[in-house]
Amino acid sequence: MEFSIALAVRGRKRRDPIRSTALGSHAGSSGLLARGPRRLGGALVLLLALAAPASAQVSFDRPGGDYTNFAVRSGDPAACASRCERDPRCRAWSFSYPTGGVPNAICWLKSQVAPWRPNPCCVSGVKGAGVTEPRNPAIEFSIDRVGGDYRNIEVPSDAMGRTCDAVCRTDGRCRAWTYSRPGYYGGPAARCFFKDRVTLPRHDPCCISGVVR
């Protein structure tokens, strides 16, 4: 299930690779036409890729290039993306989830687009990118299922909520679960909330949920 927070992508003028090749040199002009549909097709694919909207990357960080940071009390990475969009200096951003040692989520605004690195601590993106959660039919990212709890346990931090899912599947009473990230509703530690009924989903960056039976 995919949940996205849409942000407007500012239009930018892009150089047409076909036009610039043709005007760049005499050899480029004749060479492009001589190579036929295959070359043209590749150029069209490139144009379509450039026109596609960018998305932020969940469970990735972009270290470096920071010029300011601030606490995000809502705990929502969309607030970080939105702040970058309004700041002329900002080119990229990283949102770090709360941890046991840092009670609030932190937004880092960056003056350059640094390479991304896999890290479950964070969500990162470039200017103009919306936040798109991973697509997985069995796991509901940024979803809290409120109510129906009959027990909860502390678990290690887990970017996918796999521990909660595995424990729920071995418990005949458990029908659904919600994993609360550290620093949100479960306190400084991550927690699994097990439910004896399937409650309604609610969008909340605190959590990952799943329905087992």
Protein backbone atom coordinates (compact mmCIF):
# COMPACT_ATOMS: atom_id res chain seq x y z
CA MET A 1 0.00 0.00 0.00
CA GLU A 2 1.43 3.38 -0.95
CA PHE A 3 0.73 6.67 0.76
CA SER A 4 2.25 9.81 -0.70
CA ILE A 5 2.35 13.43 0.31
CA ALA A 6 2.28 15.43 -2.88
CA LEU A 7 4.40 18.56 -3.22
CA ALA A 8 4.34 20.76 -6.27
CA VAL A 9 7.39 20.26 -8.50
CA ARG A 10 8.55 23.55 -9.86
CA GLY A 11 8.87 23.66 -13.61
CA ARG A 12 12.41 24.00 -14.87
CA LYS A 13 13.60 24.68 -18.37
CA ARG A 14 15.61 21.77 -19.66
CA ARG A 15 17.80 21.62 -22.72
CA ASP A 16 16.35 19.35 -25.33
CA PRO A 17 19.06 16.71 -25.95
CA ILE A 18 17.97 16.34 -29.61
CA ARG A 19 18.07 20.07 -30.28
CA SER A 20 21.33 20.72 -28.43
CA THR A 21 23.09 17.85 -30.22
CA ALA A 22 21.92 19.09 -33.57
CA LEU A 23 23.08 22.66 -32.91
CA GLY A 24 26.25 21.76 -31.01
CA SER A 25 28.31 20.64 -34.01
CA HIS A 26 27.95 19.80 -37.64
CA ALA A 27 28.93 16.18 -37.08
CA GLY A 28 26.37 15.89 -34.26
CA SER A 29 23.58 17.07 -36.53
CA SER A 30 24.21 14.63 -39.32
CA GLY A 31 25.17 11.82 -36.95
CA LEU A 32 21.87 12.02 -35.03
CA LEU A 33 19.80 11.66 -38.18
CA ALA A 34 22.00 8.94 -39.61
CA ARG A 35 21.66 6.75 -36.54
CA GLY A 36 17.90 6.61 -37.03
CA PRO A 37 15.00 5.63 -34.74
CA ARG A 38 17.13 3.83 -32.16
CA ARG A 39 19.01 7.03 -31.19
CA LEU A 40 15.81 9.07 -31.29
CA GLY A 41 14.06 6.54 -29.08
CA GLY A 42 16.82 6.77 -26.48
CA ALA A 43 16.58 10.55 -26.46
CA LEU A 44 12.81 10.40 -25.96
CA VAL A 45 13.23 8.03 -23.00
CA LEU A 46 15.69 10.50 -21.47
CA LEU A 47 13.24 13.36 -21.94
CA LEU A 48 10.47 11.38 -20.24
CA ALA A 49 12.75 10.53 -17.30
CA LEU A 50 13.66 14.18 -16.85
CA ALA A 51 10.00 15.17 -16.87
CA ALA A 52 8.98 12.57 -14.23
CA PRO A 53 8.44 13.91 -10.69
CA ALA A 54 11.13 13.09 -8.13
CA SER A 55 10.36 11.27 -4.90
CA ALA A 56 12.05 11.38 -1.52
CA GLN A 57 13.79 8.23 -0.34
CA VAL A 58 12.59 6.56 2.85
CA SER A 59 15.36 4.82 4.87
CA PHE A 60 18.08 6.86 3.13
CA ASP A 61 20.28 9.71 4.36
CA ARG A 62 22.21 12.39 2.44
CA PRO A 63 25.13 13.27 4.76
CA GLY A 64 26.89 16.61 4.28
CA GLY A 65 26.04 20.04 2.94
CA ASP A 66 23.99 21.09 6.01
CA TYR A 67 23.51 24.80 6.62
CA THR A 68 20.71 24.67 9.20
CA ASN A 69 18.55 22.23 11.17
CA PHE A 70 15.43 22.44 13.30
CA ALA A 71 13.15 20.21 15.36
CA VAL A 72 10.03 18.85 13.64
CA ARG A 73 7.53 18.49 16.47
CA SER A 74 4.91 16.92 14.19
CA GLY A 75 7.38 14.11 13.43
CA ASP A 76 6.35 14.27 9.76
CA PRO A 77 9.02 14.27 7.00
CA ALA A 78 6.65 16.22 4.74
CA ALA A 79 7.27 19.27 6.95
CA CYS A 80 10.98 19.06 6.16
CA ALA A 81 10.36 18.77 2.42
CA SER A 82 7.98 21.71 2.56
CA ARG A 83 10.49 23.92 4.40
CA CYS A 84 13.16 23.16 1.79
CA GLU A 85 10.73 24.10 -0.96
CA ARG A 86 10.23 27.56 0.56
CA ASP A 87 13.93 28.29 1.19
CA PRO A 88 15.85 29.61 -1.87
CA ARG A 89 19.15 28.31 -0.49
CA CYS A 90 17.93 24.73 0.00
CA ARG A 91 18.76 22.11 -2.62
CA ALA A 92 18.21 18.92 -0.59
CA TRP A 93 17.09 17.78 2.87
CA SER A 94 17.27 14.92 5.34
CA PHE A 95 14.70 14.15 8.03
CA SER A 96 15.87 12.04 10.98
CA TYR A 97 13.29 10.21 13.10
CA PRO A 98 13.30 10.69 16.89
CA THR A 99 15.59 8.36 18.83
CA GLY A 100 16.04 7.45 22.46
CA GLY A 101 18.64 10.20 22.84
CA VAL A 102 16.93 12.83 20.67
CA PRO A 103 13.24 13.26 21.60
CA ASN A 104 12.25 15.23 18.48
CA ALA A 105 12.60 14.54 14.79
CA ILE A 106 15.19 16.80 13.14
CA CYS A 107 15.15 18.36 9.67
CA TRP A 108 18.51 19.12 8.04
CA LEU A 109 18.49 21.55 5.11
CA LYS A 110 21.36 21.29 2.64
CA SER A 111 22.94 23.71 0.18
CA GLN A 112 24.11 20.89 -2.08
CA VAL A 113 22.77 17.54 -3.28
CA ALA A 114 24.95 14.96 -1.56
CA PRO A 115 24.93 11.26 -2.57
CA TRP A 116 22.36 9.19 -0.69
CA ARG A 117 23.24 6.27 1.59
CA PRO A 118 20.95 3.54 2.98
CA ASN A 119 20.11 4.33 6.61
CA PRO A 120 16.85 3.50 8.44
CA CYS A 121 17.32 6.65 10.56
CA CYS A 122 16.13 8.98 7.90
CA VAL A 123 14.08 10.15 4.95
CA SER A 124 15.88 12.31 2.41
CA GLY A 125 15.07 14.09 -0.81
CA VAL A 126 15.95 16.89 -3.20
CA LYS A 127 14.09 20.13 -3.67
CA GLY A 128 10.74 19.56 -5.36
CA ALA A 129 10.43 15.93 -4.23
CA GLY A 130 7.37 14.60 -2.44
CA VAL A 131 7.54 11.86 0.19
CA THR A 132 6.56 8.43 -1.11
CA GLU A 133 6.50 5.48 1.24
CA PRO A 134 7.78 2.06 0.11
CA ARG A 135 5.21 -0.09 -1.69
CA ASN A 136 4.48 -3.38 0.02
CA PRO A 137 1.07 -5.12 -0.02
CA ALA A 138 1.64 -6.74 3.40
CA ILE A 139 3.00 -3.73 5.31
CA GLU A 140 1.37 -0.31 5.76
CA PHE A 141 4.00 2.42 6.03
CA SER A 142 3.11 5.63 7.92
CA ILE A 143 -0.13 4.01 9.12
CA ASP A 144 -1.35 3.68 12.71
CA ARG A 145 -4.26 1.36 13.54
CA VAL A 146 -5.62 2.89 16.74
CA GLY A 147 -7.43 0.67 19.25
CA GLY A 148 -7.84 -3.06 19.73
CA ASP A 149 -4.58 -3.39 21.71
CA TYR A 150 -4.34 -6.31 24.12
CA ARG A 151 -0.58 -6.20 24.73
CA ASN A 152 2.59 -4.41 23.66
CA ILE A 153 6.29 -5.15 23.85
CA GLU A 154 9.53 -3.22 23.47
CA VAL A 155 11.50 -4.23 20.36
CA PRO A 156 14.73 -3.15 18.62
CA SER A 157 14.38 -0.35 16.08
CA ASP A 158 13.22 -1.83 12.77
CA ALA A 159 12.64 0.15 9.57
CA MET A 160 10.16 -2.47 8.28
CA GLY A 161 8.33 -3.62 11.44
CA ARG A 162 9.31 -7.24 10.76
CA THR A 163 9.55 -8.22 14.44
CA CYS A 164 5.97 -7.10 15.11
CA ASP A 165 4.71 -9.00 12.08
CA ALA A 166 6.55 -12.19 13.05
CA VAL A 167 5.32 -12.15 16.67
CA CYS A 168 1.74 -11.43 15.62
CA ARG A 169 1.73 -14.40 13.24
CA THR A 170 2.69 -16.80 16.04
CA ASP A 171 -0.09 -15.51 18.35
CA GLY A 172 -3.52 -16.93 17.55
CA ARG A 173 -5.25 -13.97 19.18
CA CYS A 174 -3.41 -11.36 17.12
CA ARG A 175 -5.19 -10.07 14.01
CA ALA A 176 -3.20 -6.89 13.36
CA TRP A 177 -0.21 -4.98 14.69
CA THR A 178 1.30 -1.50 14.81
CA TYR A 179 4.99 -0.75 15.16
CA SER A 180 5.69 2.61 16.84
CA ARG A 181 9.06 4.15 15.97
CA PRO A 182 11.32 5.28 18.86
CA GLY A 183 10.37 8.71 20.20
CA TYR A 184 6.72 8.59 19.19
CA TYR A 185 3.86 6.94 21.14
CA GLY A 186 5.90 4.10 22.61
CA GLY A 187 8.34 6.42 24.41
CA PRO A 188 12.08 6.46 23.71
CA ALA A 189 12.09 2.81 22.58
CA ALA A 190 10.37 1.16 19.64
CA ARG A 191 7.26 -0.85 20.56
CA CYS A 192 4.89 -3.36 18.98
CA PHE A 193 1.17 -3.04 19.72
CA PHE A 194 -0.80 -6.23 19.08
CA LYS A 195 -4.52 -6.05 18.30
CA ASP A 196 -7.33 -8.55 18.62
CA ARG A 197 -9.37 -6.81 15.95
CA VAL A 198 -8.68 -4.95 12.71
CA THR A 199 -9.21 -1.25 13.34
CA LEU A 200 -9.35 1.59 10.83
CA PRO A 201 -6.04 2.84 9.38
CA ARG A 202 -4.93 6.42 10.06
CA HIS A 203 -2.02 8.18 8.37
CA ASP A 204 0.73 8.91 10.90
CA PRO A 205 4.52 8.97 10.31
CA CYS A 206 4.98 7.44 13.77
CA CYS A 207 4.11 3.98 12.71
CA ILE A 208 4.10 0.95 10.47
CA SER A 209 1.14 -1.44 10.60
CA GLY A 210 -0.01 -4.75 9.20
CA VAL A 211 -3.05 -7.04 9.12
CA VAL A 212 -2.33 -10.74 9.63
CA ARG A 213 -5.75 -12.39 9.69
